[in-house]
Amino acid sequence: MTAAIDTGRRKRLTFRGADENDDSLPRAVMAGRKTVTADTVEDYYKPYGEYGDGSYEAGDLIEVYDLKQRLRCLIRATKVQRIRFGDIPEEVWRGETFASAREFQEVHIRCLPQYELHDDFEFVTLHFELVAVIEA
C-alpha cells in the first residue's frame, strides 16, 4: 500500500461527453440526475491529466469540470465498488441515467471500442452526491 500524497487541492474529475462541446454529463450531475460514473478497472486508477485524478475514494470531495476545463460543481464520493459487465446493478444503470442495464452495456460497448467487453469484464463505479453547483 502506498501513502497518499497531499497535493494541497481537491481531487478533480472531468466528465467526457460525445465531443468537446457536450456538457450533458456535468449538467446531469448538477441537476442531481447523474449520481454514478463507471470506468474500467485499468483506467479508474490512472490520472488523466490536470483535470482528472483517478483513484477516487469514498469521502473524497471532488471538483467536476467540463471538457472546456470549467469548474461546474462539487461532488462527494459516497461509495466505490467493482461490478461485472454482465451484472449491472440497478443503482448503477439508473445512477448513470440509463433506462436499463442493457442500455448501459450498449453505450459502454460503443464508447470503449478498445476493450473486449464481456460478462466477466470488471468496472469500477463511483457513487456520489452533489455538494454545490459552481457554474450553471
N, C-alpha and C. Protein backbone atom coordinates (compact mmCIF):
# COMPACT_ATOMS: atom_id res chain seq x y z
N MET A 1 0.84 -1.18 0.00
CA MET A 1 0.00 0.00 0.00
C MET A 1 0.88 1.24 0.00
N THR A 2 0.54 2.19 -0.86
CA THR A 2 1.32 3.42 -0.92
C THR A 2 0.59 4.53 -0.17
N ALA A 3 1.35 5.43 0.40
CA ALA A 3 0.76 6.54 1.13
C ALA A 3 0.23 7.58 0.15
N ALA A 4 -0.88 8.19 0.49
CA ALA A 4 -1.45 9.25 -0.35
C ALA A 4 -0.58 10.49 -0.26
N ILE A 5 -0.44 11.15 -1.37
CA ILE A 5 0.34 12.39 -1.43
C ILE A 5 -0.63 13.55 -1.36
N ASP A 6 -0.44 14.47 -0.43
CA ASP A 6 -1.32 15.64 -0.31
C ASP A 6 -0.85 16.69 -1.30
N THR A 7 -1.67 16.94 -2.31
CA THR A 7 -1.31 17.92 -3.34
C THR A 7 -1.76 19.33 -2.97
N GLY A 8 -2.47 19.47 -1.84
CA GLY A 8 -2.93 20.78 -1.43
C GLY A 8 -4.16 21.25 -2.19
N ARG A 9 -4.79 20.36 -2.92
CA ARG A 9 -6.01 20.71 -3.65
C ARG A 9 -6.97 19.53 -3.63
N ARG A 10 -8.24 19.83 -3.98
CA ARG A 10 -9.23 18.76 -4.08
C ARG A 10 -8.92 17.89 -5.29
N LYS A 11 -9.44 16.68 -5.25
CA LYS A 11 -9.35 15.83 -6.44
C LYS A 11 -10.23 16.43 -7.53
N ARG A 12 -9.89 16.12 -8.78
CA ARG A 12 -10.62 16.65 -9.92
C ARG A 12 -11.11 15.51 -10.81
N LEU A 13 -12.25 15.75 -11.46
CA LEU A 13 -12.83 14.79 -12.37
C LEU A 13 -13.42 15.55 -13.55
N THR A 14 -13.22 15.04 -14.75
CA THR A 14 -13.82 15.61 -15.94
C THR A 14 -14.74 14.57 -16.55
N PHE A 15 -15.98 14.97 -16.78
CA PHE A 15 -16.92 14.08 -17.47
C PHE A 15 -16.79 14.30 -18.96
N ARG A 16 -16.56 13.22 -19.68
CA ARG A 16 -16.41 13.30 -21.13
C ARG A 16 -17.75 13.03 -21.80
N GLY A 17 -18.14 13.93 -22.69
CA GLY A 17 -19.36 13.74 -23.46
C GLY A 17 -19.01 13.24 -24.85
N ALA A 18 -19.93 13.39 -25.76
CA ALA A 18 -19.74 12.91 -27.14
C ALA A 18 -18.64 13.69 -27.86
N ASP A 19 -18.49 14.98 -27.54
CA ASP A 19 -17.45 15.81 -28.15
C ASP A 19 -17.10 16.94 -27.19
N GLU A 20 -16.20 17.81 -27.59
CA GLU A 20 -15.72 18.87 -26.70
C GLU A 20 -16.80 19.90 -26.35
N ASN A 21 -17.90 19.92 -27.07
CA ASN A 21 -18.99 20.85 -26.77
C ASN A 21 -20.12 20.20 -25.98
N ASP A 22 -20.01 18.91 -25.69
CA ASP A 22 -21.07 18.18 -25.00
C ASP A 22 -20.89 18.33 -23.48
N ASP A 23 -21.73 19.15 -22.87
CA ASP A 23 -21.67 19.29 -21.41
C ASP A 23 -22.87 18.63 -20.74
N SER A 24 -23.47 17.65 -21.42
CA SER A 24 -24.66 17.00 -20.88
C SER A 24 -24.37 16.22 -19.59
N LEU A 25 -23.20 15.63 -19.46
CA LEU A 25 -22.91 14.86 -18.25
C LEU A 25 -22.72 15.76 -17.03
N PRO A 26 -21.90 16.84 -17.12
CA PRO A 26 -21.84 17.74 -15.95
C PRO A 26 -23.21 18.33 -15.62
N ARG A 27 -24.01 18.65 -16.63
CA ARG A 27 -25.35 19.21 -16.38
C ARG A 27 -26.24 18.18 -15.67
N ALA A 28 -26.13 16.90 -16.05
CA ALA A 28 -26.91 15.86 -15.38
C ALA A 28 -26.49 15.71 -13.92
N VAL A 29 -25.21 15.89 -13.64
CA VAL A 29 -24.72 15.86 -12.25
C VAL A 29 -25.28 17.06 -11.50
N MET A 30 -25.21 18.24 -12.11
CA MET A 30 -25.67 19.47 -11.47
C MET A 30 -27.17 19.44 -11.21
N ALA A 31 -27.92 18.72 -12.03
CA ALA A 31 -29.37 18.59 -11.86
C ALA A 31 -29.73 17.48 -10.88
N GLY A 32 -28.73 16.72 -10.43
CA GLY A 32 -28.99 15.63 -9.48
C GLY A 32 -29.45 14.34 -10.13
N ARG A 33 -29.45 14.27 -11.46
CA ARG A 33 -29.88 13.05 -12.15
C ARG A 33 -28.76 12.02 -12.22
N LYS A 34 -27.55 12.44 -12.48
CA LYS A 34 -26.40 11.53 -12.58
C LYS A 34 -25.73 11.45 -11.22
N THR A 35 -25.68 10.25 -10.65
CA THR A 35 -25.11 10.05 -9.31
C THR A 35 -24.07 8.94 -9.28
N VAL A 36 -23.76 8.40 -10.46
CA VAL A 36 -22.78 7.32 -10.58
C VAL A 36 -22.01 7.51 -11.87
N THR A 37 -20.75 7.15 -11.85
CA THR A 37 -19.98 7.05 -13.07
C THR A 37 -19.18 5.77 -13.01
N ALA A 38 -18.90 5.20 -14.17
CA ALA A 38 -18.19 3.92 -14.22
C ALA A 38 -17.00 4.02 -15.16
N ASP A 39 -15.96 3.28 -14.84
CA ASP A 39 -14.79 3.21 -15.70
C ASP A 39 -14.20 1.81 -15.59
N THR A 40 -13.34 1.48 -16.52
CA THR A 40 -12.67 0.18 -16.43
C THR A 40 -11.75 0.19 -15.22
N VAL A 41 -11.48 -0.96 -14.66
CA VAL A 41 -10.57 -1.06 -13.52
C VAL A 41 -9.22 -0.47 -13.91
N GLU A 42 -8.76 -0.81 -15.09
CA GLU A 42 -7.46 -0.31 -15.58
C GLU A 42 -7.41 1.21 -15.59
N ASP A 43 -8.47 1.85 -16.08
CA ASP A 43 -8.46 3.31 -16.23
C ASP A 43 -8.86 4.06 -14.96
N TYR A 44 -9.63 3.45 -14.09
CA TYR A 44 -10.12 4.13 -12.89
C TYR A 44 -8.97 4.61 -12.01
N TYR A 45 -7.93 3.85 -11.93
CA TYR A 45 -6.84 4.16 -11.01
C TYR A 45 -5.72 4.97 -11.64
N LYS A 46 -5.92 5.43 -12.87
CA LYS A 46 -4.92 6.24 -13.55
C LYS A 46 -5.36 7.70 -13.62
N PRO A 47 -4.43 8.63 -13.34
CA PRO A 47 -4.77 10.03 -13.58
C PRO A 47 -4.87 10.27 -15.09
N TYR A 48 -5.67 11.25 -15.49
CA TYR A 48 -5.81 11.53 -16.92
C TYR A 48 -5.69 13.03 -17.16
N GLY A 49 -4.58 13.59 -16.75
CA GLY A 49 -4.30 15.00 -16.99
C GLY A 49 -4.59 15.87 -15.78
N GLU A 50 -4.48 17.16 -15.99
CA GLU A 50 -4.63 18.14 -14.93
C GLU A 50 -6.04 18.15 -14.33
N TYR A 51 -7.04 17.72 -15.10
CA TYR A 51 -8.43 17.79 -14.65
C TYR A 51 -9.05 16.41 -14.43
N GLY A 52 -8.22 15.42 -14.15
CA GLY A 52 -8.71 14.09 -13.86
C GLY A 52 -7.70 13.30 -13.07
N ASP A 53 -7.98 13.13 -11.79
CA ASP A 53 -7.01 12.48 -10.91
C ASP A 53 -7.12 10.96 -10.87
N GLY A 54 -8.33 10.42 -11.03
CA GLY A 54 -8.49 8.98 -10.86
C GLY A 54 -8.34 8.58 -9.41
N SER A 55 -8.50 7.29 -9.14
CA SER A 55 -8.34 6.73 -7.78
C SER A 55 -9.22 7.41 -6.75
N TYR A 56 -10.43 7.78 -7.11
CA TYR A 56 -11.34 8.43 -6.18
C TYR A 56 -11.79 7.42 -5.12
N GLU A 57 -11.96 7.90 -3.89
CA GLU A 57 -12.35 7.05 -2.77
C GLU A 57 -13.55 7.65 -2.06
N ALA A 58 -14.32 6.81 -1.40
CA ALA A 58 -15.45 7.29 -0.62
C ALA A 58 -14.97 8.36 0.35
N GLY A 59 -15.71 9.46 0.43
CA GLY A 59 -15.36 10.58 1.29
C GLY A 59 -14.66 11.71 0.56
N ASP A 60 -14.08 11.44 -0.61
CA ASP A 60 -13.40 12.49 -1.37
C ASP A 60 -14.36 13.59 -1.78
N LEU A 61 -13.94 14.83 -1.63
CA LEU A 61 -14.66 15.98 -2.18
C LEU A 61 -13.99 16.26 -3.53
N ILE A 62 -14.77 16.23 -4.60
CA ILE A 62 -14.21 16.23 -5.95
C ILE A 62 -14.76 17.41 -6.75
N GLU A 63 -13.88 18.15 -7.40
CA GLU A 63 -14.27 19.21 -8.31
C GLU A 63 -14.61 18.58 -9.66
N VAL A 64 -15.75 18.96 -10.23
CA VAL A 64 -16.18 18.42 -11.52
C VAL A 64 -16.01 19.49 -12.58
N TYR A 65 -15.28 19.12 -13.65
CA TYR A 65 -15.00 20.02 -14.76
C TYR A 65 -15.69 19.51 -16.02
N ASP A 66 -15.99 20.45 -16.93
CA ASP A 66 -16.47 20.04 -18.24
C ASP A 66 -15.27 19.97 -19.18
N LEU A 67 -15.51 19.65 -20.43
CA LEU A 67 -14.41 19.46 -21.38
C LEU A 67 -13.70 20.76 -21.76
N LYS A 68 -14.29 21.89 -21.40
CA LYS A 68 -13.63 23.19 -21.63
C LYS A 68 -12.86 23.63 -20.38
N GLN A 69 -12.69 22.71 -19.45
CA GLN A 69 -11.94 22.91 -18.22
C GLN A 69 -12.55 23.98 -17.32
N ARG A 70 -13.89 24.06 -17.34
CA ARG A 70 -14.60 24.97 -16.44
C ARG A 70 -15.09 24.17 -15.25
N LEU A 71 -14.85 24.70 -14.05
CA LEU A 71 -15.35 24.07 -12.83
C LEU A 71 -16.86 24.24 -12.81
N ARG A 72 -17.60 23.13 -12.73
CA ARG A 72 -19.05 23.18 -12.80
C ARG A 72 -19.73 22.90 -11.46
N CYS A 73 -19.17 21.97 -10.68
CA CYS A 73 -19.80 21.64 -9.40
C CYS A 73 -18.83 20.86 -8.52
N LEU A 74 -19.26 20.65 -7.28
CA LEU A 74 -18.53 19.81 -6.33
C LEU A 74 -19.40 18.61 -5.99
N ILE A 75 -18.77 17.44 -5.93
CA ILE A 75 -19.46 16.23 -5.51
C ILE A 75 -18.67 15.57 -4.38
N ARG A 76 -19.36 14.75 -3.62
CA ARG A 76 -18.68 13.94 -2.59
C ARG A 76 -18.88 12.48 -2.96
N ALA A 77 -17.76 11.76 -3.02
CA ALA A 77 -17.81 10.32 -3.30
C ALA A 77 -18.43 9.62 -2.10
N THR A 78 -19.43 8.78 -2.36
CA THR A 78 -20.10 8.07 -1.27
C THR A 78 -19.76 6.58 -1.24
N LYS A 79 -19.41 6.03 -2.41
CA LYS A 79 -19.10 4.60 -2.47
C LYS A 79 -18.32 4.31 -3.74
N VAL A 80 -17.40 3.38 -3.65
CA VAL A 80 -16.67 2.87 -4.81
C VAL A 80 -16.83 1.36 -4.79
N GLN A 81 -17.22 0.78 -5.92
CA GLN A 81 -17.38 -0.67 -5.95
C GLN A 81 -17.00 -1.22 -7.31
N ARG A 82 -16.66 -2.49 -7.32
CA ARG A 82 -16.40 -3.22 -8.57
C ARG A 82 -17.67 -3.94 -8.98
N ILE A 83 -17.94 -3.92 -10.28
CA ILE A 83 -19.08 -4.64 -10.82
C ILE A 83 -18.64 -5.42 -12.05
N ARG A 84 -19.42 -6.41 -12.39
CA ARG A 84 -19.19 -7.18 -13.62
C ARG A 84 -20.07 -6.62 -14.72
N PHE A 85 -19.55 -6.57 -15.94
CA PHE A 85 -20.28 -6.03 -17.08
C PHE A 85 -21.55 -6.82 -17.37
N GLY A 86 -21.56 -8.08 -17.04
CA GLY A 86 -22.74 -8.91 -17.26
C GLY A 86 -23.78 -8.83 -16.16
N ASP A 87 -23.49 -8.07 -15.12
CA ASP A 87 -24.40 -7.97 -13.97
C ASP A 87 -24.39 -6.54 -13.44
N ILE A 88 -25.01 -5.62 -14.19
CA ILE A 88 -25.01 -4.21 -13.83
C ILE A 88 -26.14 -3.97 -12.82
N PRO A 89 -25.81 -3.59 -11.58
CA PRO A 89 -26.85 -3.33 -10.59
C PRO A 89 -27.76 -2.16 -11.01
N GLU A 90 -29.00 -2.23 -10.62
CA GLU A 90 -29.96 -1.18 -10.97
C GLU A 90 -29.50 0.20 -10.50
N GLU A 91 -28.94 0.28 -9.28
CA GLU A 91 -28.50 1.58 -8.78
C GLU A 91 -27.39 2.16 -9.66
N VAL A 92 -26.65 1.32 -10.36
CA VAL A 92 -25.60 1.81 -11.25
C VAL A 92 -26.20 2.32 -12.56
N TRP A 93 -27.02 1.51 -13.25
CA TRP A 93 -27.53 1.98 -14.54
C TRP A 93 -28.47 3.16 -14.36
N ARG A 94 -29.25 3.18 -13.27
CA ARG A 94 -30.11 4.35 -13.02
C ARG A 94 -29.26 5.57 -12.67
N GLY A 95 -28.23 5.39 -11.83
CA GLY A 95 -27.35 6.50 -11.44
C GLY A 95 -26.55 7.06 -12.60
N GLU A 96 -26.35 6.23 -13.61
CA GLU A 96 -25.67 6.67 -14.84
C GLU A 96 -26.66 7.29 -15.83
N THR A 97 -27.92 7.38 -15.45
CA THR A 97 -29.03 7.96 -16.22
C THR A 97 -29.46 7.11 -17.41
N PHE A 98 -29.28 5.79 -17.31
CA PHE A 98 -29.75 4.89 -18.36
C PHE A 98 -31.10 4.30 -17.99
N ALA A 99 -31.83 3.85 -19.00
CA ALA A 99 -33.15 3.27 -18.79
C ALA A 99 -33.09 1.79 -18.41
N SER A 100 -31.92 1.15 -18.61
CA SER A 100 -31.79 -0.28 -18.32
C SER A 100 -30.32 -0.67 -18.26
N ALA A 101 -30.06 -1.85 -17.73
CA ALA A 101 -28.70 -2.40 -17.74
C ALA A 101 -28.24 -2.61 -19.18
N ARG A 102 -29.15 -3.02 -20.04
CA ARG A 102 -28.81 -3.26 -21.45
C ARG A 102 -28.35 -1.96 -22.13
N GLU A 103 -29.03 -0.86 -21.84
CA GLU A 103 -28.61 0.43 -22.42
C GLU A 103 -27.22 0.81 -21.90
N PHE A 104 -26.98 0.61 -20.61
CA PHE A 104 -25.65 0.85 -20.04
C PHE A 104 -24.60 0.08 -20.84
N GLN A 105 -24.86 -1.22 -21.07
CA GLN A 105 -23.91 -2.07 -21.78
C GLN A 105 -23.71 -1.58 -23.22
N GLU A 106 -24.78 -1.28 -23.92
CA GLU A 106 -24.68 -0.84 -25.32
C GLU A 106 -23.87 0.44 -25.45
N VAL A 107 -24.12 1.40 -24.58
CA VAL A 107 -23.39 2.67 -24.64
C VAL A 107 -21.91 2.45 -24.33
N HIS A 108 -21.62 1.64 -23.33
CA HIS A 108 -20.21 1.41 -22.97
C HIS A 108 -19.47 0.61 -24.05
N ILE A 109 -20.15 -0.30 -24.71
CA ILE A 109 -19.53 -1.02 -25.83
C ILE A 109 -19.17 -0.02 -26.93
N ARG A 110 -20.08 0.89 -27.21
CA ARG A 110 -19.86 1.91 -28.25
C ARG A 110 -18.75 2.90 -27.86
N CYS A 111 -18.72 3.29 -26.60
CA CYS A 111 -17.75 4.30 -26.14
C CYS A 111 -16.36 3.74 -25.81
N LEU A 112 -16.27 2.44 -25.66
CA LEU A 112 -15.00 1.81 -25.28
C LEU A 112 -14.61 0.72 -26.28
N PRO A 113 -14.48 1.07 -27.55
CA PRO A 113 -14.20 0.05 -28.57
C PRO A 113 -12.83 -0.62 -28.40
N GLN A 114 -11.94 0.01 -27.65
CA GLN A 114 -10.61 -0.56 -27.45
C GLN A 114 -10.61 -1.76 -26.50
N TYR A 115 -11.74 -2.00 -25.83
CA TYR A 115 -11.85 -3.11 -24.90
C TYR A 115 -12.81 -4.17 -25.45
N GLU A 116 -12.52 -5.41 -25.13
CA GLU A 116 -13.44 -6.50 -25.44
C GLU A 116 -14.31 -6.71 -24.21
N LEU A 117 -15.45 -6.05 -24.19
CA LEU A 117 -16.32 -6.10 -23.02
C LEU A 117 -17.15 -7.38 -23.06
N HIS A 118 -17.04 -8.18 -22.00
CA HIS A 118 -17.77 -9.44 -21.87
C HIS A 118 -18.35 -9.51 -20.47
N ASP A 119 -19.16 -10.51 -20.20
CA ASP A 119 -19.88 -10.59 -18.93
C ASP A 119 -18.99 -10.48 -17.69
N ASP A 120 -17.76 -11.02 -17.74
CA ASP A 120 -16.89 -11.00 -16.56
C ASP A 120 -15.94 -9.81 -16.52
N PHE A 121 -16.00 -8.95 -17.53
CA PHE A 121 -15.17 -7.74 -17.55
C PHE A 121 -15.58 -6.86 -16.37
N GLU A 122 -14.58 -6.33 -15.63
CA GLU A 122 -14.89 -5.56 -14.43
C GLU A 122 -14.79 -4.05 -14.66
N PHE A 123 -15.74 -3.36 -14.05
CA PHE A 123 -15.74 -1.90 -14.00
C PHE A 123 -15.65 -1.48 -12.55
N VAL A 124 -15.20 -0.25 -12.33
CA VAL A 124 -15.26 0.37 -11.01
C VAL A 124 -16.31 1.47 -11.11
N THR A 125 -17.21 1.50 -10.14
CA THR A 125 -18.23 2.54 -10.14
C THR A 125 -17.97 3.50 -8.98
N LEU A 126 -18.12 4.77 -9.28
CA LEU A 126 -18.00 5.84 -8.29
C LEU A 126 -19.40 6.40 -8.07
N HIS A 127 -19.90 6.26 -6.86
CA HIS A 127 -21.21 6.78 -6.48
C HIS A 127 -20.95 8.09 -5.74
N PHE A 128 -21.79 9.08 -5.99
CA PHE A 128 -21.51 10.40 -5.41
C PHE A 128 -22.80 11.17 -5.19
N GLU A 129 -22.66 12.24 -4.41
CA GLU A 129 -23.77 13.15 -4.17
C GLU A 129 -23.32 14.56 -4.52
N LEU A 130 -24.24 15.36 -5.03
CA LEU A 130 -23.95 16.74 -5.37
C LEU A 130 -23.80 17.55 -4.09
N VAL A 131 -22.74 18.33 -4.01
CA VAL A 131 -22.49 19.19 -2.83
C VAL A 131 -22.82 20.64 -3.17
N ALA A 132 -22.37 21.12 -4.34
CA ALA A 132 -22.61 22.51 -4.72
C ALA A 132 -22.46 22.68 -6.22
N VAL A 133 -23.32 23.53 -6.79
CA VAL A 133 -23.20 23.92 -8.19
C VAL A 133 -22.35 25.19 -8.22
N ILE A 134 -21.34 25.21 -9.08
CA ILE A 134 -20.44 26.35 -9.17
C ILE A 134 -20.82 27.24 -10.35
N GLU A 135 -20.93 26.61 -11.53
CA GLU A 135 -21.26 27.36 -12.75
C GLU A 135 -22.39 26.66 -13.47
N ALA A 136 -23.53 27.29 -13.52
CA ALA A 136 -24.68 26.72 -14.22
C ALA A 136 -24.60 27.13 -15.65
